[in-house]
Amino acid sequence: MCLAVLALNTRPDLPLLIVANRDEYHARPSAPVRPWEDPPGIYAGRDLAAGGTWLGITRQGRYGLITNYRDPAHVVPDAPSRGALVLDYLAGGDAPLDHARAVLESGGRYNGFNLIVGDASTCALAANRSGEPARLLDSGLYGLSNRLLDTAWPKLLRLRQEVGHMLRQGGQPDAGGLLDLLADRTPAPDDALPDTGVGLERERLLSPIFIAGEHYGTRCSTVIAVHADGRIRMSERRFGPGGAVEGESRWEFLRER
């Protein structure tokens, strides 16, 4: 996962909304969102290379997502997969903050990450490059990309603003409209680009909300909406090289108490 906006209790009828893009090399094998059989009760895509996931939710409403922290000077090639951190939470029973704290105890084994985990009561953040302890997130609208929470990168600011505008309009969240927001290919101007150590051309490629690269780019866009009446809706649109649409999935179920 490389860009996500999280609306946490911003509306009484919508306790949770997640709008996210996963950017990855197209050659890395992945499975689309579906209900898992092992472990059961999870709705998520699957990284077939390492077995974990980047974003998912359970029938009980436990959810998790992870983004990489871009720091090419400190990448460990044989570090364990960060997708396991999401899967471990979804398959387990720890409270969000307890899981986030436990993750940071061994966080030095992993390349940089930002992990958000939550349930119907609380939501917690663990970021192993922030220098800060795991913490609970208050109600609000948050953005997360490949730095720290709410780092003011142009694509994060733009997506957070557009999602906030849609939420203020009221009514049921339009999954199609939110997926369209995630398809924005507008690059940031050079003077607004971050310097994360990958060079100017790479920063330009990575600057849009949607990355339409031939070898690396946005692999899927996902919207998760949890309603106050217990309905959970999950929509995913998948892409191939150059941003070509390859498929779409939608799931809906009632949260189990």
Foldseek 3Di string as FASTA:
>chain_A
DFKKKWFAPPDQFFRIKIWDFDKDFQPFDKAAFDADVVVGQKTFIARPVQGAGAWIAGLQAKIKHKAAAQAVVDADPPQHDPRVLGVCRRSDDDAQLVSLQVCLVPVVSHHWMWMWIHGPPWIKIHTNPPPDGIDTDDGDMWMDGNHDIPPPAPQRVVLSVVVVVQVVVDDDDDPVVSVVSLVWPDFDDQVRFDCNPPDSVVSRQPRHSWRQAQGMTTAKIKMWTATPQQKIKIKMWGAHHRGHTDDIDIDIDGRDD
